[in-house]
Amino acid sequence: MLEKARYEAFVGLRLTGRVALYFLFSLTVAFVIVLFGQLHLGLGSLAGFATVLVAAVVGLIIYHRLYATLLRQGLQRVLASESSESA
């Protein structure tokens, strides 16, 4: 079912470009966090390492949430088509 939702989201709904934009947005957010940490803390310290770690986690969380919304759209379309076929 999840594979059908993925296929529907990227092929049927043509949301591949939006996935690329979401990925770039999450990378940009992570980069801004690291840049802020480097300017104020320096990356050689433990606080700088923690900033990089936080940036990576925040970027992944943002990407995961945005990607999940696209999969939800595909899943809704798959479920709607399956319910119309069974009716």
PDB file of N, CA and C in Angstrom:
ATOM      1  N   MET A   1       0.835  -1.184   0.000  1.00  0.00           N
ATOM      2  CA  MET A   1       0.000   0.000   0.000  1.00  0.00           C
ATOM      3  C   MET A   1       0.887   1.258   0.000  1.00  0.00           C
ATOM      4  N   LEU A   2       1.945   1.247   0.812  1.00  0.00           N
ATOM      5  CA  LEU A   2       2.830   2.410   0.877  1.00  0.00           C
ATOM      6  C   LEU A   2       3.543   2.636  -0.455  1.00  0.00           C
ATOM      7  N   GLU A   3       3.906   1.549  -1.111  1.00  0.00           N
ATOM      8  CA  GLU A   3       4.562   1.689  -2.411  1.00  0.00           C
ATOM      9  C   GLU A   3       3.606   2.282  -3.443  1.00  0.00           C
ATOM     10  N   LYS A   4       2.341   1.887  -3.386  1.00  0.00           N
ATOM     11  CA  LYS A   4       1.340   2.478  -4.280  1.00  0.00           C
ATOM     12  C   LYS A   4       1.173   3.970  -3.990  1.00  0.00           C
ATOM     13  N   ALA A   5       1.196   4.333  -2.712  1.00  0.00           N
ATOM     14  CA  ALA A   5       1.071   5.746  -2.332  1.00  0.00           C
ATOM     15  C   ALA A   5       2.258   6.542  -2.843  1.00  0.00           C
ATOM     16  N   ARG A   6       3.461   5.984  -2.729  1.00  0.00           N
ATOM     17  CA  ARG A   6       4.660   6.654  -3.248  1.00  0.00           C
ATOM     18  C   ARG A   6       4.565   6.843  -4.754  1.00  0.00           C
ATOM     19  N   TYR A   7       4.173   5.787  -5.434  1.00  0.00           N
ATOM     20  CA  TYR A   7       4.059   5.852  -6.891  1.00  0.00           C
ATOM     21  C   TYR A   7       3.018   6.897  -7.286  1.00  0.00           C
ATOM     22  N   GLU A   8       1.892   6.891  -6.618  1.00  0.00           N
ATOM     23  CA  GLU A   8       0.828   7.843  -6.938  1.00  0.00           C
ATOM     24  C   GLU A   8       1.263   9.280  -6.668  1.00  0.00           C
ATOM     25  N   ALA A   9       1.977   9.490  -5.572  1.00  0.00           N
ATOM     26  CA  ALA A   9       2.425  10.845  -5.227  1.00  0.00           C
ATOM     27  C   ALA A   9       3.427  11.385  -6.236  1.00  0.00           C
ATOM     28  N   PHE A  10       4.337  10.543  -6.692  1.00  0.00           N
ATOM     29  CA  PHE A  10       5.409  11.040  -7.550  1.00  0.00           C
ATOM     30  C   PHE A  10       5.103  10.930  -9.034  1.00  0.00           C
ATOM     31  N   VAL A  11       4.314   9.941  -9.422  1.00  0.00           N
ATOM     32  CA  VAL A  11       3.998   9.775 -10.836  1.00  0.00           C
ATOM     33  C   VAL A  11       2.614  10.338 -11.146  1.00  0.00           C
ATOM     34  N   GLY A  12       1.620   9.909 -10.371  1.00  0.00           N
ATOM     35  CA  GLY A  12       0.250  10.345 -10.633  1.00  0.00           C
ATOM     36  C   GLY A  12       0.022  11.811 -10.321  1.00  0.00           C
ATOM     37  N   LEU A  13       0.483  12.258  -9.177  1.00  0.00           N
ATOM     38  CA  LEU A  13       0.283  13.649  -8.770  1.00  0.00           C
ATOM     39  C   LEU A  13       1.416  14.578  -9.211  1.00  0.00           C
ATOM     40  N   ARG A  14       2.495  13.988  -9.717  1.00  0.00           N
ATOM     41  CA  ARG A  14       3.661  14.747 -10.213  1.00  0.00           C
ATOM     42  C   ARG A  14       4.227  15.686  -9.149  1.00  0.00           C
ATOM     43  N   LEU A  15       4.540  15.124  -7.998  1.00  0.00           N
ATOM     44  CA  LEU A  15       5.059  15.919  -6.891  1.00  0.00           C
ATOM     45  C   LEU A  15       6.567  15.784  -6.710  1.00  0.00           C
ATOM     46  N   THR A  16       7.263  15.259  -7.709  1.00  0.00           N
ATOM     47  CA  THR A  16       8.708  15.066  -7.601  1.00  0.00           C
ATOM     48  C   THR A  16       9.437  16.390  -7.411  1.00  0.00           C
ATOM     49  N   GLY A  17       9.016  17.416  -8.101  1.00  0.00           N
ATOM     50  CA  GLY A  17       9.653  18.724  -7.952  1.00  0.00           C
ATOM     51  C   GLY A  17       9.480  19.283  -6.554  1.00  0.00           C
ATOM     52  N   ARG A  18       8.323  19.030  -5.973  1.00  0.00           N
ATOM     53  CA  ARG A  18       8.074  19.514  -4.615  1.00  0.00           C
ATOM     54  C   ARG A  18       8.982  18.788  -3.617  1.00  0.00           C
ATOM     55  N   VAL A  19       9.246  17.510  -3.847  1.00  0.00           N
ATOM     56  CA  VAL A  19      10.160  16.769  -2.972  1.00  0.00           C
ATOM     57  C   VAL A  19      11.546  17.385  -3.040  1.00  0.00           C
ATOM     58  N   ALA A  20      11.981  17.736  -4.234  1.00  0.00           N
ATOM     59  CA  ALA A  20      13.296  18.361  -4.387  1.00  0.00           C
ATOM     60  C   ALA A  20      13.345  19.695  -3.658  1.00  0.00           C
ATOM     61  N   LEU A  21      12.277  20.475  -3.764  1.00  0.00           N
ATOM     62  CA  LEU A  21      12.235  21.752  -3.046  1.00  0.00           C
ATOM     63  C   LEU A  21      12.241  21.556  -1.536  1.00  0.00           C
ATOM     64  N   TYR A  22      11.522  20.559  -1.050  1.00  0.00           N
ATOM     65  CA  TYR A  22      11.512  20.268   0.387  1.00  0.00           C
ATOM     66  C   TYR A  22      12.901  19.874   0.862  1.00  0.00           C
ATOM     67  N   PHE A  23      13.600  19.073   0.052  1.00  0.00           N
ATOM     68  CA  PHE A  23      14.950  18.657   0.414  1.00  0.00           C
ATOM     69  C   PHE A  23      15.889  19.856   0.474  1.00  0.00           C
ATOM     70  N   LEU A  24      15.803  20.732  -0.525  1.00  0.00           N
ATOM     71  CA  LEU A  24      16.647  21.926  -0.525  1.00  0.00           C
ATOM     72  C   LEU A  24      16.312  22.848   0.643  1.00  0.00           C
ATOM     73  N   PHE A  25      15.036  22.963   0.982  1.00  0.00           N
ATOM     74  CA  PHE A  25      14.629  23.780   2.114  1.00  0.00           C
ATOM     75  C   PHE A  25      15.204  23.231   3.420  1.00  0.00           C
ATOM     76  N   SER A  26      15.146  21.905   3.597  1.00  0.00           N
ATOM     77  CA  SER A  26      15.686  21.324   4.837  1.00  0.00           C
ATOM     78  C   SER A  26      17.198  21.498   4.909  1.00  0.00           C
ATOM     79  N   LEU A  27      17.887  21.393   3.770  1.00  0.00           N
ATOM     80  CA  LEU A  27      19.339  21.630   3.754  1.00  0.00           C
ATOM     81  C   LEU A  27      19.653  23.083   4.084  1.00  0.00           C
ATOM     82  N   THR A  28      18.850  24.004   3.576  1.00  0.00           N
ATOM     83  CA  THR A  28      19.068  25.419   3.848  1.00  0.00           C
ATOM     84  C   THR A  28      18.885  25.731   5.324  1.00  0.00           C
ATOM     85  N   VAL A  29      17.853  25.170   5.938  1.00  0.00           N
ATOM     86  CA  VAL A  29      17.632  25.384   7.370  1.00  0.00           C
ATOM     87  C   VAL A  29      18.811  24.849   8.171  1.00  0.00           C
ATOM     88  N   ALA A  30      19.267  23.649   7.823  1.00  0.00           N
ATOM     89  CA  ALA A  30      20.415  23.075   8.528  1.00  0.00           C
ATOM     90  C   ALA A  30      21.659  23.931   8.331  1.00  0.00           C
ATOM     91  N   PHE A  31      21.873  24.442   7.125  1.00  0.00           N
ATOM     92  CA  PHE A  31      23.029  25.284   6.856  1.00  0.00           C
ATOM     93  C   PHE A  31      22.977  26.575   7.670  1.00  0.00           C
ATOM     94  N   VAL A  32      21.816  27.176   7.768  1.00  0.00           N
ATOM     95  CA  VAL A  32      21.669  28.417   8.532  1.00  0.00           C
ATOM     96  C   VAL A  32      21.971  28.171  10.009  1.00  0.00           C
ATOM     97  N   ILE A  33      21.514  27.047  10.534  1.00  0.00           N
ATOM     98  CA  ILE A  33      21.796  26.727  11.939  1.00  0.00           C
ATOM     99  C   ILE A  33      23.298  26.553  12.155  1.00  0.00           C
ATOM    100  N   VAL A  34      23.955  25.838  11.254  1.00  0.00           N
ATOM    101  CA  VAL A  34      25.409  25.642  11.378  1.00  0.00           C
ATOM    102  C   VAL A  34      26.138  26.973  11.228  1.00  0.00           C
ATOM    103  N   LEU A  35      25.722  27.788  10.283  1.00  0.00           N
ATOM    104  CA  LEU A  35      26.359  29.086  10.091  1.00  0.00           C
ATOM    105  C   LEU A  35      26.215  29.955  11.336  1.00  0.00           C
ATOM    106  N   PHE A  36      25.032  29.979  11.912  1.00  0.00           N
ATOM    107  CA  PHE A  36      24.802  30.728  13.144  1.00  0.00           C
ATOM    108  C   PHE A  36      25.704  30.206  14.271  1.00  0.00           C
ATOM    109  N   GLY A  37      25.803  28.884  14.383  1.00  0.00           N
ATOM    110  CA  GLY A  37      26.663  28.303  15.414  1.00  0.00           C
ATOM    111  C   GLY A  37      28.127  28.622  15.196  1.00  0.00           C
ATOM    112  N   GLN A  38      28.564  28.612  13.951  1.00  0.00           N
ATOM    113  CA  GLN A  38      29.964  28.906  13.669  1.00  0.00           C
ATOM    114  C   GLN A  38      30.279  30.365  13.970  1.00  0.00           C
ATOM    115  N   LEU A  39      29.378  31.256  13.635  1.00  0.00           N
ATOM    116  CA  LEU A  39      29.633  32.675  13.867  1.00  0.00           C
ATOM    117  C   LEU A  39      29.647  33.022  15.355  1.00  0.00           C
ATOM    118  N   HIS A  40      28.829  32.343  16.139  1.00  0.00           N
ATOM    119  CA  HIS A  40      28.708  32.700  17.548  1.00  0.00           C
ATOM    120  C   HIS A  40      29.458  31.772  18.496  1.00  0.00           C
ATOM    121  N   LEU A  41      29.696  30.542  18.099  1.00  0.00           N
ATOM    122  CA  LEU A  41      30.322  29.599  19.017  1.00  0.00           C
ATOM    123  C   LEU A  41      31.661  29.073  18.519  1.00  0.00           C
ATOM    124  N   GLY A  42      31.846  29.005  17.227  1.00  0.00           N
ATOM    125  CA  GLY A  42      33.034  28.376  16.668  1.00  0.00           C
ATOM    126  C   GLY A  42      32.821  26.875  16.587  1.00  0.00           C
ATOM    127  N   LEU A  43      33.247  26.272  15.505  1.00  0.00           N
ATOM    128  CA  LEU A  43      33.002  24.843  15.325  1.00  0.00           C
ATOM    129  C   LEU A  43      34.057  23.963  15.987  1.00  0.00           C
ATOM    130  N   GLY A  44      35.082  24.543  16.546  1.00  0.00           N
ATOM    131  CA  GLY A  44      36.106  23.749  17.199  1.00  0.00           C
ATOM    132  C   GLY A  44      35.718  23.329  18.605  1.00  0.00           C
ATOM    133  N   SER A  45      34.715  23.931  19.161  1.00  0.00           N
ATOM    134  CA  SER A  45      34.326  23.626  20.536  1.00  0.00           C
ATOM    135  C   SER A  45      33.244  22.559  20.569  1.00  0.00           C
ATOM    136  N   LEU A  46      32.961  22.102  21.762  1.00  0.00           N
ATOM    137  CA  LEU A  46      31.900  21.110  21.946  1.00  0.00           C
ATOM    138  C   LEU A  46      30.543  21.708  21.608  1.00  0.00           C
ATOM    139  N   ALA A  47      30.353  22.975  21.897  1.00  0.00           N
ATOM    140  CA  ALA A  47      29.103  23.642  21.555  1.00  0.00           C
ATOM    141  C   ALA A  47      28.934  23.725  20.038  1.00  0.00           C
ATOM    142  N   GLY A  48      30.018  23.920  19.323  1.00  0.00           N
ATOM    143  CA  GLY A  48      29.960  23.933  17.859  1.00  0.00           C
ATOM    144  C   GLY A  48      29.575  22.583  17.301  1.00  0.00           C
ATOM    145  N   PHE A  49      30.123  21.508  17.893  1.00  0.00           N
ATOM    146  CA  PHE A  49      29.755  20.156  17.482  1.00  0.00           C
ATOM    147  C   PHE A  49      28.281  19.899  17.756  1.00  0.00           C
ATOM    148  N   ALA A  50      27.800  20.355  18.903  1.00  0.00           N
ATOM    149  CA  ALA A  50      26.392  20.182  19.238  1.00  0.00           C
ATOM    150  C   ALA A  50      25.508  20.951  18.264  1.00  0.00           C
ATOM    151  N   THR A  51      25.961  22.109  17.813  1.00  0.00           N
ATOM    152  CA  THR A  51      25.205  22.893  16.839  1.00  0.00           C
ATOM    153  C   THR A  51      25.068  22.143  15.519  1.00  0.00           C
ATOM    154  N   VAL A  52      26.146  21.533  15.075  1.00  0.00           N
ATOM    155  CA  VAL A  52      26.109  20.750  13.835  1.00  0.00           C
ATOM    156  C   VAL A  52      25.155  19.570  13.996  1.00  0.00           C
ATOM    157  N   LEU A  53      25.206  18.924  15.140  1.00  0.00           N
ATOM    158  CA  LEU A  53      24.319  17.789  15.405  1.00  0.00           C
ATOM    159  C   LEU A  53      22.857  18.228  15.415  1.00  0.00           C
ATOM    160  N   VAL A  54      22.574  19.329  16.076  1.00  0.00           N
ATOM    161  CA  VAL A  54      21.202  19.847  16.116  1.00  0.00           C
ATOM    162  C   VAL A  54      20.738  20.222  14.711  1.00  0.00           C
ATOM    163  N   ALA A  55      21.610  20.831  13.933  1.00  0.00           N
ATOM    164  CA  ALA A  55      21.244  21.217  12.571  1.00  0.00           C
ATOM    165  C   ALA A  55      20.891  19.996  11.725  1.00  0.00           C
ATOM    166  N   ALA A  56      21.675  18.938  11.859  1.00  0.00           N
ATOM    167  CA  ALA A  56      21.390  17.716  11.099  1.00  0.00           C
ATOM    168  C   ALA A  56      20.043  17.117  11.505  1.00  0.00           C
ATOM    169  N   VAL A  57      19.782  17.069  12.791  1.00  0.00           N
ATOM    170  CA  VAL A  57      18.530  16.502  13.275  1.00  0.00           C
ATOM    171  C   VAL A  57      17.341  17.356  12.843  1.00  0.00           C
ATOM    172  N   VAL A  58      17.450  18.664  12.966  1.00  0.00           N
ATOM    173  CA  VAL A  58      16.360  19.559  12.565  1.00  0.00           C
ATOM    174  C   VAL A  58      16.098  19.436  11.065  1.00  0.00           C
ATOM    175  N   GLY A  59      17.152  19.389  10.268  1.00  0.00           N
ATOM    176  CA  GLY A  59      16.987  19.223   8.823  1.00  0.00           C
ATOM    177  C   GLY A  59      16.286  17.929   8.468  1.00  0.00           C
ATOM    178  N   LEU A  60      16.665  16.845   9.134  1.00  0.00           N
ATOM    179  CA  LEU A  60      16.024  15.555   8.871  1.00  0.00           C
ATOM    180  C   LEU A  60      14.566  15.549   9.300  1.00  0.00           C
ATOM    181  N   ILE A  61      14.271  16.155  10.442  1.00  0.00           N
ATOM    182  CA  ILE A  61      12.880  16.209  10.918  1.00  0.00           C
ATOM    183  C   ILE A  61      12.017  17.017   9.951  1.00  0.00           C
ATOM    184  N   ILE A  62      12.520  18.146   9.501  1.00  0.00           N
ATOM    185  CA  ILE A  62      11.764  18.968   8.556  1.00  0.00           C
ATOM    186  C   ILE A  62      11.504  18.193   7.268  1.00  0.00           C
ATOM    187  N   TYR A  63      12.533  17.555   6.734  1.00  0.00           N
ATOM    188  CA  TYR A  63      12.369  16.799   5.490  1.00  0.00           C
ATOM    189  C   TYR A  63      11.382  15.648   5.684  1.00  0.00           C
ATOM    190  N   HIS A  64      11.493  14.950   6.790  1.00  0.00           N
ATOM    191  CA  HIS A  64      10.600  13.819   7.043  1.00  0.00           C
ATOM    192  C   HIS A  64       9.149  14.267   7.118  1.00  0.00           C
ATOM    193  N   ARG A  65       8.885  15.354   7.809  1.00  0.00           N
ATOM    194  CA  ARG A  65       7.498  15.842   7.937  1.00  0.00           C
ATOM    195  C   ARG A  65       6.932  16.290   6.602  1.00  0.00           C
ATOM    196  N   LEU A  66       7.738  17.017   5.829  1.00  0.00           N
ATOM    197  CA  LEU A  66       7.258  17.484   4.534  1.00  0.00           C
ATOM    198  C   LEU A  66       7.046  16.322   3.561  1.00  0.00           C
ATOM    199  N   TYR A  67       7.954  15.347   3.587  1.00  0.00           N
ATOM    200  CA  TYR A  67       7.830  14.157   2.736  1.00  0.00           C
ATOM    201  C   TYR A  67       6.600  13.355   3.126  1.00  0.00           C
ATOM    202  N   ALA A  68       6.322  13.288   4.421  1.00  0.00           N
ATOM    203  CA  ALA A  68       5.150  12.545   4.890  1.00  0.00           C
ATOM    204  C   ALA A  68       3.852  13.179   4.391  1.00  0.00           C
ATOM    205  N   THR A  69       3.819  14.503   4.266  1.00  0.00           N
ATOM    206  CA  THR A  69       2.608  15.141   3.744  1.00  0.00           C
ATOM    207  C   THR A  69       2.377  14.760   2.284  1.00  0.00           C
ATOM    208  N   LEU A  70       3.452  14.626   1.523  1.00  0.00           N
ATOM    209  CA  LEU A  70       3.304  14.210   0.131  1.00  0.00           C
ATOM    210  C   LEU A  70       2.832  12.765   0.036  1.00  0.00           C
ATOM    211  N   LEU A  71       3.381  11.907   0.882  1.00  0.00           N
ATOM    212  CA  LEU A  71       2.935  10.510   0.889  1.00  0.00           C
ATOM    213  C   LEU A  71       1.480  10.405   1.327  1.00  0.00           C
ATOM    214  N   ARG A  72       1.079  11.247   2.241  1.00  0.00           N
ATOM    215  CA  ARG A  72      -0.319  11.241   2.684  1.00  0.00           C
ATOM    216  C   ARG A  72      -1.248  11.591   1.534  1.00  0.00           C
ATOM    217  N   GLN A  73      -0.841  12.538   0.706  1.00  0.00           N
ATOM    218  CA  GLN A  73      -1.654  12.898  -0.458  1.00  0.00           C
ATOM    219  C   GLN A  73      -1.773  11.723  -1.417  1.00  0.00           C
ATOM    220  N   GLY A  74      -0.659  11.029  -1.639  1.00  0.00           N
ATOM    221  CA  GLY A  74      -0.696   9.848  -2.506  1.00  0.00           C
ATOM    222  C   GLY A  74      -1.537   8.739  -1.925  1.00  0.00           C
ATOM    223  N   LEU A  75      -1.439   8.548  -0.601  1.00  0.00           N
ATOM    224  CA  LEU A  75      -2.221   7.498   0.053  1.00  0.00           C
ATOM    225  C   LEU A  75      -3.716   7.802  -0.018  1.00  0.00           C
ATOM    226  N   GLN A  76      -4.078   9.059   0.167  1.00  0.00           N
ATOM    227  CA  GLN A  76      -5.488   9.426   0.066  1.00  0.00           C
ATOM    228  C   GLN A  76      -6.030   9.147  -1.330  1.00  0.00           C
ATOM    229  N   ARG A  77      -5.221   9.413  -2.327  1.00  0.00           N
ATOM    230  CA  ARG A  77      -5.670   9.150  -3.697  1.00  0.00           C
ATOM    231  C   ARG A  77      -5.776   7.655  -3.967  1.00  0.00           C
ATOM    232  N   VAL A  78      -4.841   6.870  -3.445  1.00  0.00           N
ATOM    233  CA  VAL A  78      -4.896   5.417  -3.617  1.00  0.00           C
ATOM    234  C   VAL A  78      -6.133   4.852  -2.917  1.00  0.00           C
ATOM    235  N   LEU A  79      -6.384   5.297  -1.693  1.00  0.00           N
ATOM    236  CA  LEU A  79      -7.553   4.800  -0.958  1.00  0.00           C
ATOM    237  C   LEU A  79      -8.858   5.217  -1.637  1.00  0.00           C
ATOM    238  N   ALA A  80      -8.882   6.425  -2.182  1.00  0.00           N
ATOM    239  CA  ALA A  80     -10.082   6.873  -2.892  1.00  0.00           C
ATOM    240  C   ALA A  80     -10.313   6.037  -4.152  1.00  0.00           C
ATOM    241  N   SER A  81      -9.269   5.714  -4.853  1.00  0.00           N
ATOM    242  CA  SER A  81      -9.433   4.902  -6.078  1.00  0.00           C
ATOM    243  C   SER A  81      -9.812   3.472  -5.736  1.00  0.00           C
ATOM    244  N   GLU A  82      -9.273   2.935  -4.639  1.00  0.00           N
ATOM    245  CA  GLU A  82      -9.630   1.572  -4.250  1.00  0.00           C
ATOM    246  C   GLU A  82     -11.063   1.492  -3.745  1.00  0.00           C
ATOM    247  N   SER A  83     -11.515   2.539  -3.049  1.00  0.00           N
ATOM    248  CA  SER A  83     -12.888   2.510  -2.572  1.00  0.00           C
ATOM    249  C   SER A  83     -13.876   2.686  -3.714  1.00  0.00           C
ATOM    250  N   SER A  84     -13.505   3.449  -4.735  1.00  0.00           N
ATOM    251  CA  SER A  84     -14.395   3.604  -5.881  1.00  0.00           C
ATOM    252  C   SER A  84     -14.425   2.340  -6.728  1.00  0.00           C
ATOM    253  N   GLU A  85     -13.322   1.583  -6.749  1.00  0.00           N
ATOM    254  CA  GLU A  85     -13.293   0.318  -7.486  1.00  0.00           C
ATOM    255  C   GLU A  85     -14.121  -0.750  -6.797  1.00  0.00           C
ATOM    256  N   SER A  86     -14.114  -0.739  -5.464  1.00  0.00           N
ATOM    257  CA  SER A  86     -14.870  -1.764  -4.722  1.00  0.00           C
ATOM    258  C   SER A  86     -16.348  -1.451  -4.650  1.00  0.00           C
ATOM    259  N   ALA A  87     -16.732  -0.213  -4.943  1.00  0.00           N
ATOM    260  CA  ALA A  87     -18.152   0.167  -4.855  1.00  0.00           C
ATOM    261  C   ALA A  87     -18.907  -0.189  -6.109  1.00  0.00           C
TER     262      ALA A  87
END
